[in-house]
PDB file of N, CA and C in Angstrom:
ATOM      1  N   MET A   1      91.970 -92.805  50.506  1.00  0.00           N
ATOM      2  CA  MET A   1      90.748 -92.337  51.156  1.00  0.00           C
ATOM      3  C   MET A   1      90.740 -90.803  51.147  1.00  0.00           C
ATOM      4  N   ASN A   2      89.633 -90.238  50.788  1.00  0.00           N
ATOM      5  CA  ASN A   2      89.482 -88.788  50.759  1.00  0.00           C
ATOM      6  C   ASN A   2      88.911 -88.329  52.096  1.00  0.00           C
ATOM      7  N   PHE A   3      89.749 -87.734  52.930  1.00  0.00           N
ATOM      8  CA  PHE A   3      89.322 -87.309  54.258  1.00  0.00           C
ATOM      9  C   PHE A   3      88.371 -86.123  54.202  1.00  0.00           C
ATOM     10  N   GLU A   4      88.370 -85.383  53.094  1.00  0.00           N
ATOM     11  CA  GLU A   4      87.466 -84.245  52.955  1.00  0.00           C
ATOM     12  C   GLU A   4      86.008 -84.696  52.952  1.00  0.00           C
ATOM     13  N   ASP A   5      85.743 -85.875  52.395  1.00  0.00           N
ATOM     14  CA  ASP A   5      84.382 -86.393  52.291  1.00  0.00           C
ATOM     15  C   ASP A   5      83.976 -87.250  53.488  1.00  0.00           C
ATOM     16  N   GLN A   6      84.939 -87.627  54.306  1.00  0.00           N
ATOM     17  CA  GLN A   6      84.692 -88.500  55.452  1.00  0.00           C
ATOM     18  C   GLN A   6      84.216 -87.675  56.643  1.00  0.00           C
ATOM     19  N   LYS A   7      83.196 -88.179  57.333  1.00  0.00           N
ATOM     20  CA  LYS A   7      82.735 -87.535  58.562  1.00  0.00           C
ATOM     21  C   LYS A   7      83.488 -88.143  59.736  1.00  0.00           C
ATOM     22  N   PHE A   8      83.866 -87.278  60.676  1.00  0.00           N
ATOM     23  CA  PHE A   8      84.552 -87.702  61.888  1.00  0.00           C
ATOM     24  C   PHE A   8      83.833 -87.114  63.091  1.00  0.00           C
ATOM     25  N   CYS A   9      83.825 -87.856  64.178  1.00  0.00           N
ATOM     26  CA  CYS A   9      83.265 -87.334  65.422  1.00  0.00           C
ATOM     27  C   CYS A   9      84.030 -86.067  65.789  1.00  0.00           C
ATOM     28  N   GLN A  10      83.303 -85.021  66.103  1.00  0.00           N
ATOM     29  CA  GLN A  10      83.907 -83.740  66.422  1.00  0.00           C
ATOM     30  C   GLN A  10      84.346 -83.643  67.889  1.00  0.00           C
ATOM     31  N   SER A  11      84.443 -84.809  68.536  1.00  0.00           N
ATOM     32  CA  SER A  11      84.970 -84.878  69.893  1.00  0.00           C
ATOM     33  C   SER A  11      86.176 -85.813  69.965  1.00  0.00           C
ATOM     34  N   CYS A  12      86.067 -87.006  69.346  1.00  0.00           N
ATOM     35  CA  CYS A  12      87.145 -88.002  69.452  1.00  0.00           C
ATOM     36  C   CYS A  12      87.823 -88.332  68.122  1.00  0.00           C
ATOM     37  N   ALA A  13      87.306 -87.813  67.015  1.00  0.00           N
ATOM     38  CA  ALA A  13      87.867 -88.007  65.673  1.00  0.00           C
ATOM     39  C   ALA A  13      87.619 -89.398  65.096  1.00  0.00           C
ATOM     40  N   MET A  14      86.743 -90.172  65.701  1.00  0.00           N
ATOM     41  CA  MET A  14      86.414 -91.481  65.149  1.00  0.00           C
ATOM     42  C   MET A  14      85.665 -91.303  63.825  1.00  0.00           C
ATOM     43  N   PRO A  15      86.016 -92.092  62.808  1.00  0.00           N
ATOM     44  CA  PRO A  15      85.269 -92.013  61.545  1.00  0.00           C
ATOM     45  C   PRO A  15      83.803 -92.380  61.760  1.00  0.00           C
ATOM     46  N   LEU A  16      82.924 -91.606  61.143  1.00  0.00           N
ATOM     47  CA  LEU A  16      81.480 -91.832  61.276  1.00  0.00           C
ATOM     48  C   LEU A  16      80.910 -92.334  59.951  1.00  0.00           C
ATOM     49  N   GLY A  17      81.462 -93.406  59.447  1.00  0.00           N
ATOM     50  CA  GLY A  17      81.009 -93.944  58.170  1.00  0.00           C
ATOM     51  C   GLY A  17      79.653 -94.613  58.244  1.00  0.00           C
ATOM     52  N   ASP A  18      79.297 -95.123  59.392  1.00  0.00           N
ATOM     53  CA  ASP A  18      78.055 -95.868  59.566  1.00  0.00           C
ATOM     54  C   ASP A  18      77.077 -95.038  60.395  1.00  0.00           C
ATOM     55  N   GLU A  19      75.880 -94.854  59.903  1.00  0.00           N
ATOM     56  CA  GLU A  19      74.872 -94.038  60.592  1.00  0.00           C
ATOM     57  C   GLU A  19      74.568 -94.555  61.997  1.00  0.00           C
ATOM     58  N   GLU A  20      74.806 -95.838  62.238  1.00  0.00           N
ATOM     59  CA  GLU A  20      74.580 -96.399  63.572  1.00  0.00           C
ATOM     60  C   GLU A  20      75.506 -95.777  64.616  1.00  0.00           C
ATOM     61  N   LEU A  21      76.590 -95.155  64.167  1.00  0.00           N
ATOM     62  CA  LEU A  21      77.543 -94.532  65.080  1.00  0.00           C
ATOM     63  C   LEU A  21      77.187 -93.090  65.410  1.00  0.00           C
ATOM     64  N   TYR A  22      76.173 -92.524  64.741  1.00  0.00           N
ATOM     65  CA  TYR A  22      75.766 -91.140  64.993  1.00  0.00           C
ATOM     66  C   TYR A  22      75.156 -91.014  66.388  1.00  0.00           C
ATOM     67  N   ALA A  23      75.501 -89.937  67.062  1.00  0.00           N
ATOM     68  CA  ALA A  23      74.956 -89.642  68.384  1.00  0.00           C
ATOM     69  C   ALA A  23      73.486 -89.253  68.270  1.00  0.00           C
ATOM     70  N   THR A  24      72.875 -88.990  69.426  1.00  0.00           N
ATOM     71  CA  THR A  24      71.478 -88.547  69.433  1.00  0.00           C
ATOM     72  C   THR A  24      71.368 -87.184  70.097  1.00  0.00           C
ATOM     73  N   ASN A  25      70.455 -86.391  69.572  1.00  0.00           N
ATOM     74  CA  ASN A  25      70.128 -85.094  70.163  1.00  0.00           C
ATOM     75  C   ASN A  25      69.112 -85.303  71.287  1.00  0.00           C
ATOM     76  N   ALA A  26      68.813 -84.249  72.021  1.00  0.00           N
ATOM     77  CA  ALA A  26      67.865 -84.335  73.143  1.00  0.00           C
ATOM     78  C   ALA A  26      66.491 -84.823  72.695  1.00  0.00           C
ATOM     79  N   ASP A  27      66.102 -84.507  71.456  1.00  0.00           N
ATOM     80  CA  ASP A  27      64.791 -84.933  70.944  1.00  0.00           C
ATOM     81  C   ASP A  27      64.811 -86.329  70.316  1.00  0.00           C
ATOM     82  N   GLY A  28      65.957 -87.009  70.402  1.00  0.00           N
ATOM     83  CA  GLY A  28      66.080 -88.362  69.869  1.00  0.00           C
ATOM     84  C   GLY A  28      66.523 -88.434  68.421  1.00  0.00           C
ATOM     85  N   SER A  29      66.614 -87.295  67.755  1.00  0.00           N
ATOM     86  CA  SER A  29      67.063 -87.290  66.360  1.00  0.00           C
ATOM     87  C   SER A  29      68.565 -87.569  66.297  1.00  0.00           C
ATOM     88  N   LYS A  30      69.023 -87.991  65.130  1.00  0.00           N
ATOM     89  CA  LYS A  30      70.443 -88.292  64.942  1.00  0.00           C
ATOM     90  C   LYS A  30      71.259 -87.008  64.897  1.00  0.00           C
ATOM     91  N   ASN A  31      72.441 -87.072  65.476  1.00  0.00           N
ATOM     92  CA  ASN A  31      73.392 -85.976  65.440  1.00  0.00           C
ATOM     93  C   ASN A  31      74.587 -86.467  64.637  1.00  0.00           C
ATOM     94  N   GLU A  32      74.824 -85.887  63.476  1.00  0.00           N
ATOM     95  CA  GLU A  32      75.869 -86.341  62.562  1.00  0.00           C
ATOM     96  C   GLU A  32      77.245 -85.768  62.878  1.00  0.00           C
ATOM     97  N   GLU A  33      77.365 -84.970  63.929  1.00  0.00           N
ATOM     98  CA  GLU A  33      78.656 -84.369  64.283  1.00  0.00           C
ATOM     99  C   GLU A  33      79.427 -85.175  65.323  1.00  0.00           C
ATOM    100  N   TYR A  34      78.722 -85.968  66.112  1.00  0.00           N
ATOM    101  CA  TYR A  34      79.356 -86.695  67.205  1.00  0.00           C
ATOM    102  C   TYR A  34      78.995 -88.174  67.159  1.00  0.00           C
ATOM    103  N   CYS A  35      79.860 -88.994  67.778  1.00  0.00           N
ATOM    104  CA  CYS A  35      79.603 -90.433  67.825  1.00  0.00           C
ATOM    105  C   CYS A  35      78.782 -90.796  69.068  1.00  0.00           C
ATOM    106  N   ILE A  36      78.265 -92.012  69.061  1.00  0.00           N
ATOM    107  CA  ILE A  36      77.439 -92.491  70.172  1.00  0.00           C
ATOM    108  C   ILE A  36      78.221 -92.612  71.481  1.00  0.00           C
ATOM    109  N   TYR A  37      79.538 -92.674  71.391  1.00  0.00           N
ATOM    110  CA  TYR A  37      80.350 -92.817  72.599  1.00  0.00           C
ATOM    111  C   TYR A  37      80.616 -91.470  73.278  1.00  0.00           C
ATOM    112  N   CYS A  38      80.584 -90.384  72.501  1.00  0.00           N
ATOM    113  CA  CYS A  38      80.898 -89.062  73.036  1.00  0.00           C
ATOM    114  C   CYS A  38      79.672 -88.216  73.366  1.00  0.00           C
ATOM    115  N   PHE A  39      78.550 -88.485  72.712  1.00  0.00           N
ATOM    116  CA  PHE A  39      77.390 -87.597  72.816  1.00  0.00           C
ATOM    117  C   PHE A  39      76.123 -88.432  72.806  1.00  0.00           C
ATOM    118  N   LYS A  40      75.243 -88.213  73.757  1.00  0.00           N
ATOM    119  CA  LYS A  40      73.998 -88.983  73.841  1.00  0.00           C
ATOM    120  C   LYS A  40      72.898 -88.099  74.404  1.00  0.00           C
ATOM    121  N   ASP A  41      71.746 -88.149  73.779  1.00  0.00           N
ATOM    122  CA  ASP A  41      70.575 -87.393  74.240  1.00  0.00           C
ATOM    123  C   ASP A  41      70.867 -85.901  74.416  1.00  0.00           C
ATOM    124  N   GLY A  42      71.688 -85.358  73.506  1.00  0.00           N
ATOM    125  CA  GLY A  42      71.957 -83.925  73.511  1.00  0.00           C
ATOM    126  C   GLY A  42      73.047 -83.461  74.446  1.00  0.00           C
ATOM    127  N   GLU A  43      73.773 -84.399  75.054  1.00  0.00           N
ATOM    128  CA  GLU A  43      74.825 -84.028  75.996  1.00  0.00           C
ATOM    129  C   GLU A  43      76.060 -84.886  75.784  1.00  0.00           C
ATOM    130  N   PHE A  44      77.219 -84.320  76.121  1.00  0.00           N
ATOM    131  CA  PHE A  44      78.439 -85.115  76.080  1.00  0.00           C
ATOM    132  C   PHE A  44      78.370 -86.179  77.169  1.00  0.00           C
ATOM    133  N   THR A  45      78.901 -87.343  76.894  1.00  0.00           N
ATOM    134  CA  THR A  45      78.808 -88.467  77.825  1.00  0.00           C
ATOM    135  C   THR A  45      79.820 -88.381  78.962  1.00  0.00           C
ATOM    136  N   SER A  46      80.848 -87.546  78.802  1.00  0.00           N
ATOM    137  CA  SER A  46      81.815 -87.390  79.884  1.00  0.00           C
ATOM    138  C   SER A  46      82.372 -85.979  79.896  1.00  0.00           C
ATOM    139  N   ASP A  47      82.697 -85.542  81.090  1.00  0.00           N
ATOM    140  CA  ASP A  47      83.329 -84.244  81.286  1.00  0.00           C
ATOM    141  C   ASP A  47      84.822 -84.519  81.281  1.00  0.00           C
ATOM    142  N   ILE A  48      85.441 -84.285  80.142  1.00  0.00           N
ATOM    143  CA  ILE A  48      86.825 -84.675  79.933  1.00  0.00           C
ATOM    144  C   ILE A  48      87.549 -83.544  79.218  1.00  0.00           C
ATOM    145  N   SER A  49      88.820 -83.400  79.478  1.00  0.00           N
ATOM    146  CA  SER A  49      89.592 -82.366  78.790  1.00  0.00           C
ATOM    147  C   SER A  49      90.039 -82.883  77.424  1.00  0.00           C
ATOM    148  N   MET A  50      90.453 -81.972  76.569  1.00  0.00           N
ATOM    149  CA  MET A  50      90.955 -82.376  75.255  1.00  0.00           C
ATOM    150  C   MET A  50      92.161 -83.303  75.413  1.00  0.00           C
ATOM    151  N   GLU A  51      93.032 -83.012  76.337  1.00  0.00           N
ATOM    152  CA  GLU A  51      94.224 -83.829  76.542  1.00  0.00           C
ATOM    153  C   GLU A  51      93.861 -85.238  77.000  1.00  0.00           C
ATOM    154  N   GLU A  52      92.891 -85.331  77.911  1.00  0.00           N
ATOM    155  CA  GLU A  52      92.446 -86.650  78.378  1.00  0.00           C
ATOM    156  C   GLU A  52      91.815 -87.446  77.241  1.00  0.00           C
ATOM    157  N   MET A  53      90.993 -86.785  76.438  1.00  0.00           N
ATOM    158  CA  MET A  53      90.368 -87.454  75.303  1.00  0.00           C
ATOM    159  C   MET A  53      91.422 -87.899  74.300  1.00  0.00           C
ATOM    160  N   ARG A  54      92.374 -87.043  74.026  1.00  0.00           N
ATOM    161  CA  ARG A  54      93.428 -87.371  73.068  1.00  0.00           C
ATOM    162  C   ARG A  54      94.230 -88.582  73.559  1.00  0.00           C
ATOM    163  N   ASP A  55      94.608 -88.608  74.826  1.00  0.00           N
ATOM    164  CA  ASP A  55      95.361 -89.745  75.371  1.00  0.00           C
ATOM    165  C   ASP A  55      94.557 -91.039  75.265  1.00  0.00           C
ATOM    166  N   PHE A  56      93.265 -90.966  75.565  1.00  0.00           N
ATOM    167  CA  PHE A  56      92.395 -92.132  75.453  1.00  0.00           C
ATOM    168  C   PHE A  56      92.345 -92.617  74.003  1.00  0.00           C
ATOM    169  N   CYS A  57      92.198 -91.683  73.078  1.00  0.00           N
ATOM    170  CA  CYS A  57      92.071 -92.039  71.660  1.00  0.00           C
ATOM    171  C   CYS A  57      93.369 -92.595  71.080  1.00  0.00           C
ATOM    172  N   ILE A  58      94.500 -92.119  71.565  1.00  0.00           N
ATOM    173  CA  ILE A  58      95.791 -92.645  71.107  1.00  0.00           C
ATOM    174  C   ILE A  58      95.867 -94.131  71.431  1.00  0.00           C
ATOM    175  N   LYS A  59      95.495 -94.498  72.645  1.00  0.00           N
ATOM    176  CA  LYS A  59      95.529 -95.918  73.041  1.00  0.00           C
ATOM    177  C   LYS A  59      94.581 -96.749  72.190  1.00  0.00           C
ATOM    178  N   LYS A  60      93.374 -96.233  71.950  1.00  0.00           N
ATOM    179  CA  LYS A  60      92.392 -96.966  71.130  1.00  0.00           C
ATOM    180  C   LYS A  60      92.879 -97.102  69.688  1.00  0.00           C
ATOM    181  N   MET A  61      93.482 -96.052  69.156  1.00  0.00           N
ATOM    182  CA  MET A  61      93.959 -96.089  67.776  1.00  0.00           C
ATOM    183  C   MET A  61      95.034 -97.160  67.605  1.00  0.00           C
ATOM    184  N   VAL A  62      95.928 -97.271  68.571  1.00  0.00           N
ATOM    185  CA  VAL A  62      96.973 -98.294  68.512  1.00  0.00           C
ATOM    186  C   VAL A  62      96.364 -99.700  68.634  1.00  0.00           C
ATOM    187  N   GLU A  63      95.328 -99.839  69.464  1.00  0.00           N
ATOM    188  CA  GLU A  63      94.653-101.137  69.622  1.00  0.00           C
ATOM    189  C   GLU A  63      94.036-101.613  68.305  1.00  0.00           C
ATOM    190  N   VAL A  64      93.355-100.717  67.601  1.00  0.00           N
ATOM    191  CA  VAL A  64      92.641-101.120  66.380  1.00  0.00           C
ATOM    192  C   VAL A  64      93.520-101.065  65.131  1.00  0.00           C
ATOM    193  N   ASN A  65      94.693-100.439  65.238  1.00  0.00           N
ATOM    194  CA  ASN A  65      95.649-100.365  64.124  1.00  0.00           C
ATOM    195  C   ASN A  65      97.001-100.869  64.603  1.00  0.00           C
ATOM    196  N   PRO A  66      97.190-102.189  64.684  1.00  0.00           N
ATOM    197  CA  PRO A  66      98.425-102.748  65.252  1.00  0.00           C
ATOM    198  C   PRO A  66      99.692-102.325  64.506  1.00  0.00           C
ATOM    199  N   GLU A  67      99.542-101.903  63.253  1.00  0.00           N
ATOM    200  CA  GLU A  67     100.714-101.471  62.491  1.00  0.00           C
ATOM    201  C   GLU A  67     101.182-100.069  62.902  1.00  0.00           C
ATOM    202  N   MET A  68     100.386 -99.385  63.719  1.00  0.00           N
ATOM    203  CA  MET A  68     100.696 -98.028  64.156  1.00  0.00           C
ATOM    204  C   MET A  68     101.231 -98.058  65.580  1.00  0.00           C
ATOM    205  N   ASP A  69     102.282 -97.273  65.829  1.00  0.00           N
ATOM    206  CA  ASP A  69     102.769 -97.193  67.210  1.00  0.00           C
ATOM    207  C   ASP A  69     102.223 -95.930  67.882  1.00  0.00           C
ATOM    208  N   GLU A  70     102.474 -95.802  69.180  1.00  0.00           N
ATOM    209  CA  GLU A  70     101.924 -94.682  69.940  1.00  0.00           C
ATOM    210  C   GLU A  70     102.416 -93.334  69.437  1.00  0.00           C
ATOM    211  N   ASN A  71     103.657 -93.272  68.987  1.00  0.00           N
ATOM    212  CA  ASN A  71     104.187 -92.001  68.485  1.00  0.00           C
ATOM    213  C   ASN A  71     103.451 -91.548  67.230  1.00  0.00           C
ATOM    214  N   GLU A  72     103.176 -92.478  66.324  1.00  0.00           N
ATOM    215  CA  GLU A  72     102.435 -92.146  65.102  1.00  0.00           C
ATOM    216  C   GLU A  72     101.013 -91.707  65.446  1.00  0.00           C
ATOM    217  N   ALA A  73     100.362 -92.459  66.325  1.00  0.00           N
ATOM    218  CA  ALA A  73      98.990 -92.115  66.723  1.00  0.00           C
ATOM    219  C   ALA A  73      98.964 -90.762  67.421  1.00  0.00           C
ATOM    220  N   SER A  74      99.930 -90.503  68.264  1.00  0.00           N
ATOM    221  CA  SER A  74     100.007 -89.232  68.980  1.00  0.00           C
ATOM    222  C   SER A  74     100.184 -88.070  68.013  1.00  0.00           C
ATOM    223  N   ALA A  75     101.067 -88.215  67.049  1.00  0.00           N
ATOM    224  CA  ALA A  75     101.290 -87.149  66.063  1.00  0.00           C
ATOM    225  C   ALA A  75     100.011 -86.860  65.288  1.00  0.00           C
ATOM    226  N   MET A  76      99.291 -87.914  64.910  1.00  0.00           N
ATOM    227  CA  MET A  76      98.047 -87.740  64.176  1.00  0.00           C
ATOM    228  C   MET A  76      97.006 -87.032  65.035  1.00  0.00           C
ATOM    229  N   MET A  77      96.856 -87.479  66.278  1.00  0.00           N
ATOM    230  CA  MET A  77      95.867 -86.878  67.171  1.00  0.00           C
ATOM    231  C   MET A  77      96.196 -85.415  67.482  1.00  0.00           C
ATOM    232  N   HIS A  78      97.463 -85.100  67.670  1.00  0.00           N
ATOM    233  CA  HIS A  78      97.857 -83.718  67.957  1.00  0.00           C
ATOM    234  C   HIS A  78      97.524 -82.802  66.786  1.00  0.00           C
ATOM    235  N   GLU A  79      97.630 -83.310  65.581  1.00  0.00           N
ATOM    236  CA  GLU A  79      97.316 -82.500  64.402  1.00  0.00           C
ATOM    237  C   GLU A  79      95.812 -82.304  64.228  1.00  0.00           C
ATOM    238  N   VAL A  80      95.039 -83.314  64.567  1.00  0.00           N
ATOM    239  CA  VAL A  80      93.603 -83.308  64.294  1.00  0.00           C
ATOM    240  C   VAL A  80      92.775 -82.652  65.397  1.00  0.00           C
ATOM    241  N   PHE A  81      93.105 -82.898  66.639  1.00  0.00           N
ATOM    242  CA  PHE A  81      92.207 -82.523  67.736  1.00  0.00           C
ATOM    243  C   PHE A  81      91.868 -81.040  67.816  1.00  0.00           C
ATOM    244  N   HIS A  82      92.811 -80.167  67.573  1.00  0.00           N
ATOM    245  CA  HIS A  82      92.503 -78.734  67.687  1.00  0.00           C
ATOM    246  C   HIS A  82      91.546 -78.261  66.593  1.00  0.00           C
ATOM    247  N   LYS A  83      91.312 -79.090  65.580  1.00  0.00           N
ATOM    248  CA  LYS A  83      90.387 -78.750  64.493  1.00  0.00           C
ATOM    249  C   LYS A  83      88.967 -79.254  64.757  1.00  0.00           C
ATOM    250  N   LEU A  84      88.786 -80.106  65.745  1.00  0.00           N
ATOM    251  CA  LEU A  84      87.470 -80.664  66.040  1.00  0.00           C
ATOM    252  C   LEU A  84      86.591 -79.632  66.739  1.00  0.00           C
ATOM    253  N   LYS A  85      85.321 -79.643  66.406  1.00  0.00           N
ATOM    254  CA  LYS A  85      84.361 -78.648  66.898  1.00  0.00           C
ATOM    255  C   LYS A  85      84.372 -78.529  68.429  1.00  0.00           C
ATOM    256  N   ARG A  86      84.405 -79.661  69.120  1.00  0.00           N
ATOM    257  CA  ARG A  86      84.344 -79.617  70.587  1.00  0.00           C
ATOM    258  C   ARG A  86      85.551 -78.909  71.190  1.00  0.00           C
ATOM    259  N   TRP A  87      86.701 -79.010  70.548  1.00  0.00           N
ATOM    260  CA  TRP A  87      87.946 -78.506  71.124  1.00  0.00           C
ATOM    261  C   TRP A  87      88.470 -77.241  70.459  1.00  0.00           C
ATOM    262  N   ALA A  88      87.901 -76.850  69.346  1.00  0.00           N
ATOM    263  CA  ALA A  88      88.372 -75.661  68.629  1.00  0.00           C
ATOM    264  C   ALA A  88      88.150 -74.412  69.465  1.00  0.00           C
ATOM    265  N   LYS A  89      89.135 -73.561  69.467  1.00  0.00           N
ATOM    266  CA  LYS A  89      89.032 -72.288  70.178  1.00  0.00           C
ATOM    267  C   LYS A  89      88.389 -71.273  69.242  1.00  0.00           C
ATOM    268  N   ASP A  90      87.386 -70.589  69.740  1.00  0.00           N
ATOM    269  CA  ASP A  90      86.697 -69.577  68.925  1.00  0.00           C
ATOM    270  C   ASP A  90      87.563 -68.348  68.719  1.00  0.00           C
TER     271      ASP A  90
END
């Protein structure tokens, strides 16, 4: 899989392969940067820290990828999260 061509939610890193997963802007248009779980109607759905989001995503990643353990998921999330738009430091 070529990750360069893959879109990921810029808040939780979920793959955005299906347009149905795109968030919505305040005007109802699709937002291709965030998923429906993190962003809705132009606003983030929860006030959460990067660490809280990362911990939540580690658990979800292990649930949907039984071959992956928490340490592997954690290492992946730690590498990716600081690059996501929502969490990147300017």
